[in-house]
Amino acid sequence: MWKILTLATMAGAIATVGVPALAQQAKSTAQANFVDLKGKETGRAHLTASRDGVLFEVEVSGLEPRKWVALHIHETGNCDDHAEGHKASGGHFNPGKSEHGFLAANGPHAGDLPNQYVAEDGVLRAQIYSSLVRLDDPERGIRGRAMIVHAGSDDYRTDPAGGAGDRIACAVIE
């Protein structure tokens, strides 16, 4: 009897919220699974849309510890070329044709995110908010694009990529 009441309560809750509301909630989030240069899954990101930006919750393992690394959004959602260094992800997502970097006079790119610290255990853990992008938007949408972890830190000035070095992990935002 209790199980039936629970299912009935759940069904009532779904009816109250409505299927379109549940679909909208699913649309307001995205996942991205990181792969390294060997194609091995090394982490994930969970993205949540807000009214004026996106919250990124990121965890990537297997990185060099005690080091700042760049994290960027790249224009093309392709991480299949891991053996070639994730070059298929293209350049930084830059719909406004801005200069690279938070410190550039005419920057930043929409895909520029702040450097992140890799802890002693080799894991990057971060929560980042960007008002420069949206999950689903004709101009600033990032669903279907790639997130890249670089081997070095971003100097926030040098065009086109801040001198951040090799691309060591890639994830398609889905």
C-alpha atoms as a PDB file:
ATOM      1  CA  MET A   1       0.000   0.000   0.000  1.00  0.00           C
ATOM      2  CA  TRP A   2       2.784   2.437   0.957  1.00  0.00           C
ATOM      3  CA  LYS A   3       4.567   1.848  -2.366  1.00  0.00           C
ATOM      4  CA  ILE A   4       1.372   2.602  -4.242  1.00  0.00           C
ATOM      5  CA  LEU A   5       0.899   5.843  -2.301  1.00  0.00           C
ATOM      6  CA  THR A   6       4.488   6.819  -3.015  1.00  0.00           C
ATOM      7  CA  LEU A   7       4.074   6.208  -6.737  1.00  0.00           C
ATOM      8  CA  ALA A   8       0.771   8.062  -6.695  1.00  0.00           C
ATOM      9  CA  THR A   9       2.419  10.969  -4.866  1.00  0.00           C
ATOM     10  CA  MET A  10       5.247  11.009  -7.409  1.00  0.00           C
ATOM     11  CA  ALA A  11       2.767  10.910 -10.286  1.00  0.00           C
ATOM     12  CA  GLY A  12       0.884  13.797  -8.691  1.00  0.00           C
ATOM     13  CA  ALA A  13       4.094  15.767  -8.331  1.00  0.00           C
ATOM     14  CA  ILE A  14       4.957  15.204 -11.986  1.00  0.00           C
ATOM     15  CA  ALA A  15       1.438  16.223 -13.001  1.00  0.00           C
ATOM     16  CA  THR A  16       1.752  19.366 -10.859  1.00  0.00           C
ATOM     17  CA  VAL A  17       5.154  20.303 -12.294  1.00  0.00           C
ATOM     18  CA  GLY A  18       4.205  19.148 -15.760  1.00  0.00           C
ATOM     19  CA  VAL A  19       6.200  17.365 -18.415  1.00  0.00           C
ATOM     20  CA  PRO A  20       7.166  20.608 -20.216  1.00  0.00           C
ATOM     21  CA  ALA A  21       8.636  21.944 -16.951  1.00  0.00           C
ATOM     22  CA  LEU A  22      10.696  18.775 -16.511  1.00  0.00           C
ATOM     23  CA  ALA A  23      11.910  19.019 -20.096  1.00  0.00           C
ATOM     24  CA  GLN A  24      12.861  22.662 -19.531  1.00  0.00           C
ATOM     25  CA  GLN A  25      14.814  21.721 -16.401  1.00  0.00           C
ATOM     26  CA  ALA A  26      16.725  19.065 -18.364  1.00  0.00           C
ATOM     27  CA  LYS A  27      17.458  21.641 -21.055  1.00  0.00           C
ATOM     28  CA  SER A  28      18.939  24.017 -18.483  1.00  0.00           C
ATOM     29  CA  THR A  29      21.770  21.591 -17.681  1.00  0.00           C
ATOM     30  CA  ALA A  30      24.535  19.911 -19.637  1.00  0.00           C
ATOM     31  CA  GLN A  31      27.304  17.370 -19.061  1.00  0.00           C
ATOM     32  CA  ALA A  32      30.804  17.178 -20.479  1.00  0.00           C
ATOM     33  CA  ASN A  33      33.064  14.116 -20.085  1.00  0.00           C
ATOM     34  CA  PHE A  34      36.794  14.821 -20.294  1.00  0.00           C
ATOM     35  CA  VAL A  35      39.230  12.532 -22.105  1.00  0.00           C
ATOM     36  CA  ASP A  36      43.015  12.758 -21.948  1.00  0.00           C
ATOM     37  CA  LEU A  37      45.564  12.401 -24.751  1.00  0.00           C
ATOM     38  CA  LYS A  38      45.113   8.610 -24.692  1.00  0.00           C
ATOM     39  CA  GLY A  39      41.332   8.827 -25.012  1.00  0.00           C
ATOM     40  CA  LYS A  40      40.807   7.718 -21.395  1.00  0.00           C
ATOM     41  CA  GLU A  41      37.969   9.368 -19.486  1.00  0.00           C
ATOM     42  CA  THR A  42      39.489  11.559 -16.771  1.00  0.00           C
ATOM     43  CA  GLY A  43      36.639  13.648 -15.433  1.00  0.00           C
ATOM     44  CA  ARG A  44      33.470  15.551 -16.070  1.00  0.00           C
ATOM     45  CA  ALA A  45      31.798  18.886 -15.879  1.00  0.00           C
ATOM     46  CA  HIS A  46      28.224  19.662 -14.991  1.00  0.00           C
ATOM     47  CA  LEU A  47      26.891  22.922 -16.429  1.00  0.00           C
ATOM     48  CA  THR A  48      23.808  24.748 -15.221  1.00  0.00           C
ATOM     49  CA  ALA A  49      22.204  27.643 -17.060  1.00  0.00           C
ATOM     50  CA  SER A  50      21.080  30.706 -15.167  1.00  0.00           C
ATOM     51  CA  ARG A  51      19.236  33.754 -16.402  1.00  0.00           C
ATOM     52  CA  ASP A  52      22.465  35.532 -17.370  1.00  0.00           C
ATOM     53  CA  GLY A  53      25.226  32.917 -17.636  1.00  0.00           C
ATOM     54  CA  VAL A  54      26.440  29.403 -16.911  1.00  0.00           C
ATOM     55  CA  LEU A  55      27.739  27.730 -13.754  1.00  0.00           C
ATOM     56  CA  PHE A  56      30.478  25.140 -14.396  1.00  0.00           C
ATOM     57  CA  GLU A  57      31.228  22.417 -11.843  1.00  0.00           C
ATOM     58  CA  VAL A  58      34.394  20.689 -13.026  1.00  0.00           C
ATOM     59  CA  GLU A  59      36.494  17.759 -11.826  1.00  0.00           C
ATOM     60  CA  VAL A  60      39.390  16.413 -13.916  1.00  0.00           C
ATOM     61  CA  SER A  61      41.981  13.922 -12.628  1.00  0.00           C
ATOM     62  CA  GLY A  62      45.378  12.691 -13.802  1.00  0.00           C
ATOM     63  CA  LEU A  63      46.877  16.182 -14.095  1.00  0.00           C
ATOM     64  CA  GLU A  64      50.250  17.448 -12.927  1.00  0.00           C
ATOM     65  CA  PRO A  65      49.778  18.387  -9.249  1.00  0.00           C
ATOM     66  CA  ARG A  66      50.339  21.765  -7.586  1.00  0.00           C
ATOM     67  CA  LYS A  67      49.974  23.745 -10.783  1.00  0.00           C
ATOM     68  CA  TRP A  68      47.698  26.392 -12.321  1.00  0.00           C
ATOM     69  CA  VAL A  69      46.199  25.388 -15.666  1.00  0.00           C
ATOM     70  CA  ALA A  70      44.039  27.125 -18.234  1.00  0.00           C
ATOM     71  CA  LEU A  71      40.476  26.020 -18.874  1.00  0.00           C
ATOM     72  CA  HIS A  72      38.789  27.350 -22.017  1.00  0.00           C
ATOM     73  CA  ILE A  73      35.717  26.789 -24.132  1.00  0.00           C
ATOM     74  CA  HIS A  74      36.679  25.985 -27.723  1.00  0.00           C
ATOM     75  CA  GLU A  75      34.571  26.488 -30.813  1.00  0.00           C
ATOM     76  CA  THR A  76      34.188  22.904 -32.053  1.00  0.00           C
ATOM     77  CA  GLY A  77      32.758  20.004 -30.053  1.00  0.00           C
ATOM     78  CA  ASN A  78      35.230  17.371 -31.214  1.00  0.00           C
ATOM     79  CA  CYS A  79      37.507  15.441 -28.836  1.00  0.00           C
ATOM     80  CA  ASP A  80      37.991  12.388 -31.054  1.00  0.00           C
ATOM     81  CA  ASP A  81      41.528  13.357 -32.100  1.00  0.00           C
ATOM     82  CA  HIS A  82      43.097  12.841 -28.663  1.00  0.00           C
ATOM     83  CA  ALA A  83      46.266  11.308 -30.167  1.00  0.00           C
ATOM     84  CA  GLU A  84      46.788  14.535 -32.150  1.00  0.00           C
ATOM     85  CA  GLY A  85      46.375  16.771 -29.092  1.00  0.00           C
ATOM     86  CA  HIS A  86      42.692  17.705 -29.334  1.00  0.00           C
ATOM     87  CA  LYS A  87      43.347  20.119 -32.210  1.00  0.00           C
ATOM     88  CA  ALA A  88      39.937  19.333 -33.777  1.00  0.00           C
ATOM     89  CA  SER A  89      38.320  21.447 -31.045  1.00  0.00           C
ATOM     90  CA  GLY A  90      39.473  24.537 -32.942  1.00  0.00           C
ATOM     91  CA  GLY A  91      40.222  27.912 -31.410  1.00  0.00           C
ATOM     92  CA  HIS A  92      38.586  29.594 -28.457  1.00  0.00           C
ATOM     93  CA  PHE A  93      34.879  30.251 -28.675  1.00  0.00           C
ATOM     94  CA  ASN A  94      34.833  33.912 -29.708  1.00  0.00           C
ATOM     95  CA  PRO A  95      31.534  35.046 -31.253  1.00  0.00           C
ATOM     96  CA  GLY A  96      32.317  38.719 -30.536  1.00  0.00           C
ATOM     97  CA  LYS A  97      35.704  38.596 -32.300  1.00  0.00           C
ATOM     98  CA  SER A  98      37.360  39.949 -29.135  1.00  0.00           C
ATOM     99  CA  GLU A  99      41.013  39.767 -28.138  1.00  0.00           C
ATOM    100  CA  HIS A 100      42.068  36.926 -25.882  1.00  0.00           C
ATOM    101  CA  GLY A 101      42.331  37.478 -22.172  1.00  0.00           C
ATOM    102  CA  PHE A 102      40.719  39.178 -19.220  1.00  0.00           C
ATOM    103  CA  LEU A 103      43.553  41.741 -19.195  1.00  0.00           C
ATOM    104  CA  ALA A 104      43.430  42.539 -22.922  1.00  0.00           C
ATOM    105  CA  ALA A 105      42.153  45.997 -23.871  1.00  0.00           C
ATOM    106  CA  ASN A 106      39.502  44.486 -26.176  1.00  0.00           C
ATOM    107  CA  GLY A 107      39.004  41.145 -24.446  1.00  0.00           C
ATOM    108  CA  PRO A 108      38.079  38.601 -23.375  1.00  0.00           C
ATOM    109  CA  HIS A 109      36.857  35.877 -25.690  1.00  0.00           C
ATOM    110  CA  ALA A 110      33.527  34.419 -24.592  1.00  0.00           C
ATOM    111  CA  GLY A 111      35.388  31.111 -24.122  1.00  0.00           C
ATOM    112  CA  ASP A 112      37.973  32.529 -21.738  1.00  0.00           C
ATOM    113  CA  LEU A 113      37.676  31.135 -18.217  1.00  0.00           C
ATOM    114  CA  PRO A 114      39.969  31.814 -15.248  1.00  0.00           C
ATOM    115  CA  ASN A 115      42.968  29.568 -14.524  1.00  0.00           C
ATOM    116  CA  GLN A 116      42.272  26.667 -12.185  1.00  0.00           C
ATOM    117  CA  TYR A 117      44.515  25.055  -9.579  1.00  0.00           C
ATOM    118  CA  VAL A 118      45.336  21.346  -9.671  1.00  0.00           C
ATOM    119  CA  ALA A 119      45.600  20.014  -6.119  1.00  0.00           C
ATOM    120  CA  GLU A 120      48.228  17.735  -4.581  1.00  0.00           C
ATOM    121  CA  ASP A 121      46.259  14.673  -5.715  1.00  0.00           C
ATOM    122  CA  GLY A 122      46.399  15.728  -9.400  1.00  0.00           C
ATOM    123  CA  VAL A 123      42.717  16.665  -9.498  1.00  0.00           C
ATOM    124  CA  LEU A 124      41.344  19.971 -10.735  1.00  0.00           C
ATOM    125  CA  ARG A 125      38.137  20.771  -8.849  1.00  0.00           C
ATOM    126  CA  ALA A 126      36.367  24.007  -9.609  1.00  0.00           C
ATOM    127  CA  GLN A 127      33.129  25.896  -9.625  1.00  0.00           C
ATOM    128  CA  ILE A 128      33.200  28.729 -12.157  1.00  0.00           C
ATOM    129  CA  TYR A 129      30.528  31.148 -13.267  1.00  0.00           C
ATOM    130  CA  SER A 130      30.634  32.916 -16.635  1.00  0.00           C
ATOM    131  CA  SER A 131      28.219  35.579 -17.806  1.00  0.00           C
ATOM    132  CA  LEU A 132      29.916  35.627 -21.236  1.00  0.00           C
ATOM    133  CA  VAL A 133      28.193  32.433 -22.439  1.00  0.00           C
ATOM    134  CA  ARG A 134      24.830  30.679 -22.414  1.00  0.00           C
ATOM    135  CA  LEU A 135      24.049  26.984 -22.705  1.00  0.00           C
ATOM    136  CA  ASP A 136      21.588  27.410 -25.570  1.00  0.00           C
ATOM    137  CA  ASP A 137      21.676  30.680 -27.439  1.00  0.00           C
ATOM    138  CA  PRO A 138      22.031  31.448 -31.156  1.00  0.00           C
ATOM    139  CA  GLU A 139      25.062  33.701 -30.583  1.00  0.00           C
ATOM    140  CA  ARG A 140      26.652  32.734 -27.263  1.00  0.00           C
ATOM    141  CA  GLY A 141      25.502  29.115 -26.861  1.00  0.00           C
ATOM    142  CA  ILE A 142      28.108  26.555 -25.824  1.00  0.00           C
ATOM    143  CA  ARG A 143      26.175  23.277 -25.982  1.00  0.00           C
ATOM    144  CA  GLY A 144      27.966  21.187 -28.613  1.00  0.00           C
ATOM    145  CA  ARG A 145      31.283  22.993 -28.104  1.00  0.00           C
ATOM    146  CA  ALA A 146      34.382  21.681 -26.291  1.00  0.00           C
ATOM    147  CA  MET A 147      35.989  22.472 -22.956  1.00  0.00           C
ATOM    148  CA  ILE A 148      39.779  22.169 -22.957  1.00  0.00           C
ATOM    149  CA  VAL A 149      42.269  21.871 -20.094  1.00  0.00           C
ATOM    150  CA  HIS A 150      45.692  23.171 -21.136  1.00  0.00           C
ATOM    151  CA  ALA A 151      49.074  22.077 -19.750  1.00  0.00           C
ATOM    152  CA  GLY A 152      49.987  25.550 -18.519  1.00  0.00           C
ATOM    153  CA  SER A 153      48.353  28.668 -17.196  1.00  0.00           C
ATOM    154  CA  ASP A 154      46.784  31.462 -19.216  1.00  0.00           C
ATOM    155  CA  ASP A 155      48.601  34.830 -19.051  1.00  0.00           C
ATOM    156  CA  TYR A 156      45.240  36.563 -19.761  1.00  0.00           C
ATOM    157  CA  ARG A 157      46.823  38.733 -22.490  1.00  0.00           C
ATOM    158  CA  THR A 158      48.494  36.864 -25.338  1.00  0.00           C
ATOM    159  CA  ASP A 159      46.298  36.339 -28.387  1.00  0.00           C
ATOM    160  CA  PRO A 160      44.975  33.858 -29.373  1.00  0.00           C
ATOM    161  CA  ALA A 161      45.248  31.486 -26.359  1.00  0.00           C
ATOM    162  CA  GLY A 162      47.179  33.118 -23.526  1.00  0.00           C
ATOM    163  CA  GLY A 163      50.310  31.000 -24.000  1.00  0.00           C
ATOM    164  CA  ALA A 164      48.555  28.182 -22.120  1.00  0.00           C
ATOM    165  CA  GLY A 165      50.374  25.359 -23.890  1.00  0.00           C
ATOM    166  CA  ASP A 166      49.258  21.948 -25.042  1.00  0.00           C
ATOM    167  CA  ARG A 167      45.675  20.735 -24.828  1.00  0.00           C
ATOM    168  CA  ILE A 168      45.762  17.846 -22.362  1.00  0.00           C
ATOM    169  CA  ALA A 169      42.067  17.102 -21.737  1.00  0.00           C
ATOM    170  CA  CYS A 170      38.952  17.690 -23.813  1.00  0.00           C
ATOM    171  CA  ALA A 171      35.209  17.371 -23.191  1.00  0.00           C
ATOM    172  CA  VAL A 172      32.234  17.970 -25.465  1.00  0.00           C
ATOM    173  CA  ILE A 173      29.388  19.891 -23.811  1.00  0.00           C
ATOM    174  CA  GLU A 174      26.230  17.812 -24.334  1.00  0.00           C
END
